[in-house]
């Protein structure tokens, strides 16, 4: 666990002066079979691991930055997205870490309440919705877990602040 506000030794994103904060979302602009749609998202945890869901191996991943970067093509751009409230973002990060082992299958599904069957952007939405005291809907559409909706990486991209980017 790290405390970015009080610790100058907090890791920085590669080739930047931007500190990694719990709840940050890394958005990849890639188009690949593994993402089916454009983009992929992962969330920074309190332990600096990147929590994300994909179709390869274990469906839920808790990667060190070096491993996460190895999953992307050389030169690929990753955009750092940040939620405005650090406390809420940290709550979401804690939820992401606590629930990553619950993923059983990678499949695009509209059931927002289902954690076992999941995909990358739905998992990030769930972390902010289920993991925060405010039940934050990252799409801003007054969604709740009872509604049926696909959550896209670009939908999340549009709702968070861009604080920088780096290349793999």
N, C-alpha and C. Protein backbone atom coordinates (compact mmCIF):
# COMPACT_ATOMS: atom_id res chain seq x y z
N UNK A 1 0.85 -1.17 0.00
CA UNK A 1 0.00 0.00 0.00
C UNK A 1 0.90 1.24 0.00
N UNK A 2 0.52 2.24 -0.76
CA UNK A 2 1.31 3.46 -0.76
C UNK A 2 0.42 4.66 -0.56
N UNK A 3 1.02 5.75 -0.12
CA UNK A 3 0.30 6.97 0.17
C UNK A 3 0.93 8.10 -0.65
N UNK A 4 0.44 8.32 -1.89
CA UNK A 4 1.07 9.25 -2.81
C UNK A 4 1.22 10.67 -2.28
N UNK A 5 0.27 11.13 -1.50
CA UNK A 5 0.33 12.51 -1.03
C UNK A 5 1.49 12.72 -0.06
N UNK A 6 1.87 11.67 0.68
CA UNK A 6 2.88 11.81 1.73
C UNK A 6 4.22 11.18 1.36
N UNK A 7 4.33 10.62 0.16
CA UNK A 7 5.52 9.84 -0.16
C UNK A 7 6.11 10.26 -1.50
N UNK A 8 7.32 10.80 -1.44
CA UNK A 8 8.00 11.21 -2.67
C UNK A 8 8.54 10.02 -3.45
N UNK A 9 8.54 8.82 -2.85
CA UNK A 9 9.04 7.64 -3.54
C UNK A 9 7.95 6.91 -4.33
N UNK A 10 6.79 7.50 -4.45
CA UNK A 10 5.70 6.89 -5.21
C UNK A 10 6.16 6.72 -6.65
N UNK A 11 5.90 5.55 -7.22
CA UNK A 11 6.31 5.32 -8.61
C UNK A 11 5.66 6.33 -9.57
N UNK A 12 6.42 6.61 -10.61
CA UNK A 12 5.92 7.47 -11.68
C UNK A 12 5.55 6.61 -12.88
N UNK A 13 4.64 7.11 -13.69
CA UNK A 13 4.35 6.43 -14.95
C UNK A 13 5.60 6.51 -15.82
N UNK A 14 5.83 5.50 -16.66
CA UNK A 14 7.04 5.48 -17.49
C UNK A 14 7.23 6.77 -18.30
N UNK A 15 8.44 7.27 -18.27
CA UNK A 15 8.85 8.44 -19.05
C UNK A 15 8.00 9.68 -18.77
N UNK A 16 7.49 9.80 -17.54
CA UNK A 16 6.70 10.97 -17.14
C UNK A 16 7.15 11.43 -15.76
N UNK A 17 6.60 12.54 -15.32
CA UNK A 17 6.77 12.99 -13.94
C UNK A 17 5.44 12.86 -13.19
N UNK A 18 4.54 12.04 -13.71
CA UNK A 18 3.20 11.87 -13.16
C UNK A 18 3.19 10.69 -12.18
N UNK A 19 2.81 10.96 -10.92
CA UNK A 19 2.73 9.91 -9.90
C UNK A 19 1.54 8.99 -10.17
N UNK A 20 1.77 7.71 -9.93
CA UNK A 20 0.69 6.73 -10.03
C UNK A 20 -0.21 6.88 -8.80
N UNK A 21 -1.51 7.00 -9.02
CA UNK A 21 -2.46 7.11 -7.91
C UNK A 21 -3.47 5.97 -7.98
N UNK A 22 -3.87 5.44 -6.82
CA UNK A 22 -4.90 4.40 -6.81
C UNK A 22 -6.17 4.92 -7.48
N UNK A 23 -6.73 4.09 -8.35
CA UNK A 23 -7.95 4.46 -9.06
C UNK A 23 -7.70 5.06 -10.41
N UNK A 24 -6.45 5.41 -10.73
CA UNK A 24 -6.15 5.88 -12.08
C UNK A 24 -6.52 4.78 -13.07
N UNK A 25 -6.94 5.18 -14.24
CA UNK A 25 -7.30 4.25 -15.29
C UNK A 25 -6.33 4.45 -16.45
N UNK A 26 -5.77 3.35 -16.93
CA UNK A 26 -4.90 3.39 -18.09
C UNK A 26 -5.71 2.96 -19.30
N UNK A 27 -5.76 3.85 -20.28
CA UNK A 27 -6.55 3.61 -21.49
C UNK A 27 -5.61 3.37 -22.65
N UNK A 28 -5.76 2.20 -23.26
CA UNK A 28 -4.98 1.87 -24.44
C UNK A 28 -5.86 2.14 -25.66
N UNK A 29 -5.25 2.72 -26.67
CA UNK A 29 -5.98 3.05 -27.90
C UNK A 29 -5.94 1.92 -28.91
N UNK A 30 -5.50 0.74 -28.48
CA UNK A 30 -5.27 -0.35 -29.42
C UNK A 30 -6.55 -0.89 -30.04
N UNK A 31 -6.37 -1.47 -31.20
CA UNK A 31 -7.42 -2.22 -31.87
C UNK A 31 -6.83 -3.60 -32.11
N UNK A 32 -7.36 -4.59 -31.44
CA UNK A 32 -6.80 -5.93 -31.57
C UNK A 32 -7.90 -6.95 -31.32
N UNK A 33 -7.63 -8.18 -31.74
CA UNK A 33 -8.57 -9.26 -31.51
C UNK A 33 -8.87 -9.40 -30.03
N UNK A 34 -7.85 -9.17 -29.19
CA UNK A 34 -8.03 -9.35 -27.75
C UNK A 34 -8.99 -8.33 -27.15
N UNK A 35 -9.18 -7.20 -27.82
CA UNK A 35 -10.08 -6.20 -27.27
C UNK A 35 -11.42 -6.17 -28.00
N UNK A 36 -11.51 -6.79 -29.16
CA UNK A 36 -12.69 -6.86 -30.01
C UNK A 36 -13.16 -5.45 -30.42
N UNK A 37 -13.17 -4.53 -29.50
CA UNK A 37 -13.51 -3.16 -29.81
C UNK A 37 -12.27 -2.30 -29.56
N UNK A 38 -12.32 -1.07 -29.96
CA UNK A 38 -11.16 -0.21 -29.79
C UNK A 38 -10.96 0.10 -28.32
N UNK A 39 -9.76 -0.12 -27.85
CA UNK A 39 -9.38 0.27 -26.51
C UNK A 39 -9.36 -0.86 -25.51
N UNK A 40 -8.61 -0.60 -24.46
CA UNK A 40 -8.53 -1.50 -23.32
C UNK A 40 -8.27 -0.62 -22.10
N UNK A 41 -8.83 -0.96 -20.96
CA UNK A 41 -8.61 -0.19 -19.75
C UNK A 41 -8.21 -1.10 -18.59
N UNK A 42 -7.36 -0.55 -17.73
CA UNK A 42 -6.95 -1.21 -16.51
C UNK A 42 -6.88 -0.15 -15.42
N UNK A 43 -6.93 -0.59 -14.17
CA UNK A 43 -6.95 0.35 -13.05
C UNK A 43 -5.74 0.13 -12.14
N UNK A 44 -5.15 1.24 -11.70
CA UNK A 44 -4.04 1.19 -10.77
C UNK A 44 -4.58 0.92 -9.37
N UNK A 45 -3.99 -0.09 -8.72
CA UNK A 45 -4.37 -0.41 -7.35
C UNK A 45 -3.47 0.30 -6.35
N UNK A 46 -3.81 0.14 -5.08
CA UNK A 46 -3.00 0.74 -4.01
C UNK A 46 -1.58 0.17 -3.99
N UNK A 47 -1.42 -1.01 -4.56
CA UNK A 47 -0.12 -1.68 -4.58
C UNK A 47 0.64 -1.43 -5.89
N UNK A 48 0.16 -0.49 -6.69
CA UNK A 48 0.75 -0.13 -7.99
C UNK A 48 0.59 -1.20 -9.05
N UNK A 49 -0.14 -2.24 -8.78
CA UNK A 49 -0.44 -3.23 -9.82
C UNK A 49 -1.57 -2.69 -10.69
N UNK A 50 -1.64 -3.19 -11.91
CA UNK A 50 -2.69 -2.79 -12.83
C UNK A 50 -3.71 -3.92 -12.87
N UNK A 51 -4.94 -3.62 -12.46
CA UNK A 51 -6.02 -4.60 -12.41
C UNK A 51 -6.84 -4.47 -13.67
N UNK A 52 -6.97 -5.59 -14.40
CA UNK A 52 -7.71 -5.55 -15.66
C UNK A 52 -8.21 -6.95 -16.02
N UNK A 53 -9.10 -6.99 -16.98
CA UNK A 53 -9.72 -8.23 -17.43
C UNK A 53 -9.43 -8.37 -18.92
N UNK A 54 -8.96 -9.56 -19.31
CA UNK A 54 -8.83 -9.85 -20.74
C UNK A 54 -9.07 -11.33 -20.98
N UNK A 55 -9.00 -11.74 -22.21
CA UNK A 55 -9.39 -13.10 -22.59
C UNK A 55 -8.28 -14.13 -22.41
N UNK A 56 -7.07 -13.72 -22.09
CA UNK A 56 -5.93 -14.65 -22.07
C UNK A 56 -5.64 -15.15 -20.66
N UNK A 57 -5.42 -16.46 -20.53
CA UNK A 57 -5.06 -17.06 -19.24
C UNK A 57 -6.13 -16.83 -18.20
N UNK A 58 -5.69 -16.54 -16.97
CA UNK A 58 -6.66 -16.14 -15.95
C UNK A 58 -7.34 -14.89 -16.48
N UNK A 59 -8.61 -14.79 -16.35
CA UNK A 59 -9.34 -13.66 -16.95
C UNK A 59 -9.13 -12.37 -16.19
N UNK A 60 -8.97 -12.45 -14.86
CA UNK A 60 -8.68 -11.27 -14.06
C UNK A 60 -7.19 -11.20 -13.77
N UNK A 61 -6.59 -10.03 -14.03
CA UNK A 61 -5.14 -9.89 -13.89
C UNK A 61 -4.78 -8.78 -12.90
N UNK A 62 -3.68 -9.00 -12.19
CA UNK A 62 -3.10 -8.01 -11.28
C UNK A 62 -1.63 -7.91 -11.67
N UNK A 63 -1.35 -7.12 -12.71
CA UNK A 63 -0.01 -7.06 -13.31
C UNK A 63 0.86 -5.97 -12.70
N UNK A 64 2.14 -6.27 -12.53
CA UNK A 64 3.12 -5.21 -12.30
C UNK A 64 3.18 -4.41 -13.59
N UNK A 65 3.63 -3.17 -13.52
CA UNK A 65 3.65 -2.31 -14.70
C UNK A 65 4.42 -2.96 -15.85
N UNK A 66 5.56 -3.58 -15.57
CA UNK A 66 6.36 -4.19 -16.64
C UNK A 66 5.57 -5.28 -17.38
N UNK A 67 4.82 -6.08 -16.64
CA UNK A 67 4.01 -7.13 -17.27
C UNK A 67 2.86 -6.50 -18.07
N UNK A 68 2.21 -5.51 -17.49
CA UNK A 68 1.11 -4.84 -18.19
C UNK A 68 1.61 -4.24 -19.51
N UNK A 69 2.76 -3.60 -19.47
CA UNK A 69 3.30 -3.00 -20.69
C UNK A 69 3.65 -4.06 -21.72
N UNK A 70 4.08 -5.23 -21.28
CA UNK A 70 4.43 -6.30 -22.22
C UNK A 70 3.22 -6.83 -22.98
N UNK A 71 2.04 -6.53 -22.51
CA UNK A 71 0.81 -6.97 -23.18
C UNK A 71 0.41 -6.02 -24.32
N UNK A 72 1.18 -4.96 -24.50
CA UNK A 72 0.90 -3.97 -25.53
C UNK A 72 2.04 -3.92 -26.54
N UNK A 73 1.73 -3.52 -27.73
CA UNK A 73 2.75 -3.40 -28.78
C UNK A 73 3.71 -2.27 -28.45
N UNK A 74 4.95 -2.43 -28.86
CA UNK A 74 5.96 -1.40 -28.65
C UNK A 74 5.51 -0.11 -29.35
N UNK A 75 5.61 1.00 -28.62
CA UNK A 75 5.22 2.29 -29.17
C UNK A 75 3.74 2.62 -29.01
N UNK A 76 2.98 1.71 -28.40
CA UNK A 76 1.55 1.96 -28.20
C UNK A 76 1.35 3.05 -27.16
N UNK A 77 0.38 3.90 -27.39
CA UNK A 77 0.09 5.00 -26.48
C UNK A 77 -0.87 4.54 -25.38
N UNK A 78 -0.53 4.87 -24.14
CA UNK A 78 -1.42 4.64 -23.00
C UNK A 78 -1.73 6.00 -22.40
N UNK A 79 -3.00 6.30 -22.24
CA UNK A 79 -3.43 7.56 -21.66
C UNK A 79 -3.79 7.34 -20.20
N UNK A 80 -3.34 8.24 -19.34
CA UNK A 80 -3.60 8.18 -17.90
C UNK A 80 -4.85 9.00 -17.62
N UNK A 81 -5.86 8.35 -17.08
CA UNK A 81 -7.13 9.00 -16.75
C UNK A 81 -7.30 9.02 -15.24
N UNK A 82 -7.89 10.09 -14.73
CA UNK A 82 -8.01 10.23 -13.28
C UNK A 82 -9.39 10.74 -12.90
N UNK A 83 -9.95 10.14 -11.84
CA UNK A 83 -11.20 10.61 -11.26
C UNK A 83 -10.89 11.81 -10.37
N UNK A 84 -11.77 12.77 -10.31
CA UNK A 84 -11.49 14.04 -9.62
C UNK A 84 -11.34 13.91 -8.11
N UNK A 85 -11.96 12.94 -7.49
CA UNK A 85 -11.91 12.77 -6.03
C UNK A 85 -11.00 11.60 -5.69
N UNK A 86 -9.84 11.87 -5.09
CA UNK A 86 -8.84 10.84 -4.79
C UNK A 86 -9.37 9.79 -3.81
N UNK A 87 -10.20 10.20 -2.86
CA UNK A 87 -10.76 9.25 -1.89
C UNK A 87 -11.67 8.24 -2.59
N UNK A 88 -12.52 8.73 -3.46
CA UNK A 88 -13.43 7.86 -4.22
C UNK A 88 -12.61 6.94 -5.13
N UNK A 89 -11.60 7.50 -5.79
CA UNK A 89 -10.75 6.70 -6.68
C UNK A 89 -10.06 5.57 -5.91
N UNK A 90 -9.60 5.88 -4.70
CA UNK A 90 -8.95 4.87 -3.87
C UNK A 90 -9.93 3.77 -3.48
N UNK A 91 -11.17 4.14 -3.17
CA UNK A 91 -12.20 3.14 -2.86
C UNK A 91 -12.39 2.19 -4.04
N UNK A 92 -12.45 2.75 -5.25
CA UNK A 92 -12.62 1.93 -6.46
C UNK A 92 -11.42 1.00 -6.64
N UNK A 93 -10.22 1.52 -6.39
CA UNK A 93 -9.00 0.71 -6.52
C UNK A 93 -9.01 -0.47 -5.54
N UNK A 94 -9.46 -0.23 -4.33
CA UNK A 94 -9.55 -1.30 -3.33
C UNK A 94 -10.54 -2.37 -3.77
N UNK A 95 -11.66 -1.95 -4.33
CA UNK A 95 -12.66 -2.90 -4.82
C UNK A 95 -12.07 -3.72 -5.96
N UNK A 96 -11.38 -3.07 -6.88
CA UNK A 96 -10.79 -3.78 -8.03
C UNK A 96 -9.84 -4.88 -7.56
N UNK A 97 -9.00 -4.56 -6.59
CA UNK A 97 -8.06 -5.56 -6.07
C UNK A 97 -8.80 -6.70 -5.38
N UNK A 98 -9.79 -6.37 -4.56
CA UNK A 98 -10.51 -7.37 -3.79
C UNK A 98 -11.34 -8.32 -4.66
N UNK A 99 -11.73 -7.88 -5.85
CA UNK A 99 -12.65 -8.66 -6.67
C UNK A 99 -12.04 -9.25 -7.94
N UNK A 100 -10.76 -8.99 -8.20
CA UNK A 100 -10.15 -9.46 -9.45
C UNK A 100 -10.15 -10.98 -9.56
N UNK A 101 -10.07 -11.67 -8.44
CA UNK A 101 -10.10 -13.13 -8.45
C UNK A 101 -11.47 -13.73 -8.71
N UNK A 102 -12.50 -12.92 -8.75
CA UNK A 102 -13.86 -13.40 -8.98
C UNK A 102 -14.19 -13.62 -10.46
N UNK A 103 -13.35 -13.11 -11.35
CA UNK A 103 -13.62 -13.21 -12.78
C UNK A 103 -13.43 -14.66 -13.22
N UNK A 104 -14.47 -15.23 -13.83
CA UNK A 104 -14.42 -16.61 -14.31
C UNK A 104 -14.39 -16.70 -15.83
N UNK A 105 -14.98 -15.73 -16.50
CA UNK A 105 -15.06 -15.79 -17.96
C UNK A 105 -14.98 -14.40 -18.54
N UNK A 106 -14.36 -14.32 -19.71
CA UNK A 106 -14.26 -13.06 -20.45
C UNK A 106 -15.32 -13.11 -21.55
N UNK A 107 -16.31 -12.24 -21.41
CA UNK A 107 -17.39 -12.21 -22.39
C UNK A 107 -18.09 -10.87 -22.29
N UNK A 108 -18.47 -10.32 -23.44
CA UNK A 108 -19.22 -9.06 -23.44
C UNK A 108 -20.65 -9.36 -23.05
N UNK A 109 -21.05 -8.80 -21.95
CA UNK A 109 -22.39 -9.01 -21.42
C UNK A 109 -22.94 -7.68 -20.92
N UNK A 110 -24.22 -7.53 -21.03
CA UNK A 110 -24.87 -6.29 -20.62
C UNK A 110 -25.26 -6.30 -19.14
N UNK A 111 -25.07 -7.41 -18.46
CA UNK A 111 -25.45 -7.54 -17.05
C UNK A 111 -24.42 -6.84 -16.18
N UNK A 112 -24.73 -5.64 -15.74
CA UNK A 112 -23.76 -4.85 -14.96
C UNK A 112 -23.52 -5.40 -13.56
N UNK A 113 -24.42 -6.22 -13.05
CA UNK A 113 -24.27 -6.77 -11.71
C UNK A 113 -23.39 -8.02 -11.68
N UNK A 114 -23.18 -8.64 -12.84
CA UNK A 114 -22.43 -9.90 -12.90
C UNK A 114 -20.93 -9.62 -12.91
N UNK A 115 -20.25 -10.03 -11.85
CA UNK A 115 -18.81 -9.85 -11.77
C UNK A 115 -18.07 -11.04 -12.37
N UNK A 116 -18.64 -12.22 -12.28
CA UNK A 116 -17.97 -13.43 -12.75
C UNK A 116 -17.75 -13.43 -14.26
N UNK A 117 -18.72 -12.97 -15.01
CA UNK A 117 -18.59 -12.87 -16.47
C UNK A 117 -18.35 -11.40 -16.77
N UNK A 118 -17.16 -11.10 -17.30
CA UNK A 118 -16.76 -9.71 -17.32
C UNK A 118 -15.85 -9.39 -18.50
N UNK A 119 -15.57 -8.11 -18.67
CA UNK A 119 -14.61 -7.60 -19.65
C UNK A 119 -14.03 -6.30 -19.10
N UNK A 120 -13.01 -5.77 -19.74
CA UNK A 120 -12.19 -4.72 -19.14
C UNK A 120 -12.97 -3.49 -18.69
N UNK A 121 -13.71 -2.87 -19.57
CA UNK A 121 -14.36 -1.61 -19.22
C UNK A 121 -15.54 -1.80 -18.27
N UNK A 122 -16.22 -2.91 -18.36
CA UNK A 122 -17.30 -3.19 -17.41
C UNK A 122 -16.72 -3.33 -16.00
N UNK A 123 -15.55 -3.97 -15.88
CA UNK A 123 -14.92 -4.15 -14.58
C UNK A 123 -14.54 -2.81 -13.95
N UNK A 124 -14.03 -1.89 -14.74
CA UNK A 124 -13.68 -0.57 -14.23
C UNK A 124 -14.95 0.17 -13.79
N UNK A 125 -16.01 0.08 -14.60
CA UNK A 125 -17.29 0.70 -14.21
C UNK A 125 -17.76 0.12 -12.88
N UNK A 126 -17.69 -1.22 -12.74
CA UNK A 126 -18.13 -1.88 -11.51
C UNK A 126 -17.31 -1.42 -10.31
N UNK A 127 -16.00 -1.23 -10.49
CA UNK A 127 -15.15 -0.79 -9.37
C UNK A 127 -15.62 0.56 -8.84
N UNK A 128 -15.95 1.47 -9.75
CA UNK A 128 -16.41 2.79 -9.31
C UNK A 128 -17.85 2.74 -8.80
N UNK A 129 -18.66 1.84 -9.32
CA UNK A 129 -20.05 1.76 -8.88
C UNK A 129 -20.18 0.98 -7.56
N UNK A 130 -19.67 -0.26 -7.55
CA UNK A 130 -19.82 -1.11 -6.37
C UNK A 130 -18.82 -0.78 -5.27
N UNK A 131 -17.68 -0.22 -5.63
CA UNK A 131 -16.61 -0.01 -4.67
C UNK A 131 -16.61 1.33 -3.98
N UNK A 132 -17.52 2.21 -4.37
CA UNK A 132 -17.50 3.56 -3.78
C UNK A 132 -18.78 3.85 -3.02
N UNK A 133 -18.65 4.69 -2.03
CA UNK A 133 -19.81 5.04 -1.21
C UNK A 133 -20.87 5.80 -2.01
N UNK A 134 -20.46 6.43 -3.10
CA UNK A 134 -21.40 7.20 -3.92
C UNK A 134 -21.99 6.41 -5.08
N UNK A 135 -21.60 5.15 -5.25
CA UNK A 135 -22.03 4.36 -6.41
C UNK A 135 -21.86 5.17 -7.70
N UNK A 136 -20.63 5.55 -7.99
CA UNK A 136 -20.32 6.41 -9.13
C UNK A 136 -20.58 5.68 -10.44
N UNK A 137 -21.40 6.27 -11.29
CA UNK A 137 -21.63 5.78 -12.64
C UNK A 137 -20.68 6.53 -13.57
N UNK A 138 -19.61 5.86 -13.99
CA UNK A 138 -18.60 6.53 -14.82
C UNK A 138 -19.14 7.01 -16.16
N UNK A 139 -20.26 6.50 -16.59
CA UNK A 139 -20.82 6.98 -17.85
C UNK A 139 -21.72 8.19 -17.66
N UNK A 140 -22.11 8.45 -16.42
CA UNK A 140 -22.94 9.62 -16.14
C UNK A 140 -24.34 9.52 -16.71
N UNK A 141 -24.81 8.31 -16.89
CA UNK A 141 -26.15 8.10 -17.46
C UNK A 141 -27.17 7.64 -16.44
N UNK A 142 -26.87 7.85 -15.16
CA UNK A 142 -27.73 7.37 -14.09
C UNK A 142 -27.97 5.87 -14.19
N UNK A 143 -26.91 5.16 -14.55
CA UNK A 143 -27.01 3.71 -14.60
C UNK A 143 -26.96 3.15 -13.19
N UNK A 144 -27.54 2.00 -13.03
CA UNK A 144 -27.38 1.24 -11.80
C UNK A 144 -27.18 -0.21 -12.20
N UNK A 145 -26.85 -1.04 -11.24
CA UNK A 145 -26.50 -2.42 -11.54
C UNK A 145 -27.67 -3.23 -12.07
N UNK A 146 -28.90 -2.73 -11.94
CA UNK A 146 -30.06 -3.45 -12.44
C UNK A 146 -30.29 -3.22 -13.93
N UNK A 147 -29.68 -2.18 -14.47
CA UNK A 147 -29.87 -1.88 -15.89
C UNK A 147 -28.95 -2.74 -16.74
N UNK A 148 -29.31 -2.90 -17.99
CA UNK A 148 -28.51 -3.70 -18.92
C UNK A 148 -27.88 -2.75 -19.92
N UNK A 149 -26.57 -2.80 -20.01
CA UNK A 149 -25.86 -1.86 -20.88
C UNK A 149 -24.45 -2.35 -21.12
N UNK A 150 -23.94 -2.14 -22.31
CA UNK A 150 -22.52 -2.39 -22.57
C UNK A 150 -21.74 -1.17 -22.12
N UNK A 151 -20.59 -1.38 -21.53
CA UNK A 151 -19.71 -0.30 -21.10
C UNK A 151 -18.47 -0.37 -22.00
N UNK A 152 -18.21 0.69 -22.73
CA UNK A 152 -17.06 0.68 -23.64
C UNK A 152 -15.88 1.44 -23.03
N UNK A 153 -14.67 1.08 -23.44
CA UNK A 153 -13.50 1.84 -22.98
C UNK A 153 -13.61 3.33 -23.34
N UNK A 154 -14.12 3.64 -24.52
CA UNK A 154 -14.24 5.04 -24.92
C UNK A 154 -15.25 5.79 -24.06
N UNK A 155 -16.28 5.11 -23.58
CA UNK A 155 -17.25 5.73 -22.67
C UNK A 155 -16.59 6.16 -21.37
N UNK A 156 -15.71 5.32 -20.86
CA UNK A 156 -14.98 5.66 -19.65
C UNK A 156 -13.98 6.78 -19.93
N UNK A 157 -13.32 6.71 -21.07
CA UNK A 157 -12.34 7.73 -21.46
C UNK A 157 -12.97 9.13 -21.43
N UNK A 158 -14.19 9.23 -21.90
CA UNK A 158 -14.86 10.54 -21.98
C UNK A 158 -15.27 11.11 -20.63
N UNK A 159 -15.30 10.28 -19.59
CA UNK A 159 -15.80 10.74 -18.28
C UNK A 159 -14.71 11.03 -17.25
N UNK A 160 -13.46 10.72 -17.57
CA UNK A 160 -12.38 10.96 -16.63
C UNK A 160 -11.42 12.01 -17.19
N UNK A 161 -10.67 12.61 -16.29
CA UNK A 161 -9.72 13.65 -16.70
C UNK A 161 -8.45 13.03 -17.27
N UNK A 162 -8.02 13.50 -18.42
CA UNK A 162 -6.75 13.07 -19.00
C UNK A 162 -5.64 13.84 -18.28
N UNK A 163 -4.72 13.11 -17.64
CA UNK A 163 -3.62 13.78 -16.93
C UNK A 163 -2.28 13.58 -17.63
N UNK A 164 -2.24 12.79 -18.66
CA UNK A 164 -1.00 12.58 -19.41
C UNK A 164 -1.05 11.28 -20.19
N UNK A 165 0.07 10.97 -20.81
CA UNK A 165 0.18 9.72 -21.56
C UNK A 165 1.64 9.32 -21.66
N UNK A 166 1.85 8.09 -22.07
CA UNK A 166 3.20 7.57 -22.30
C UNK A 166 3.09 6.46 -23.33
N UNK A 167 4.24 6.06 -23.87
CA UNK A 167 4.26 4.99 -24.85
C UNK A 167 4.98 3.78 -24.30
N UNK A 168 4.56 2.62 -24.76
CA UNK A 168 5.20 1.38 -24.32
C UNK A 168 6.55 1.23 -25.00
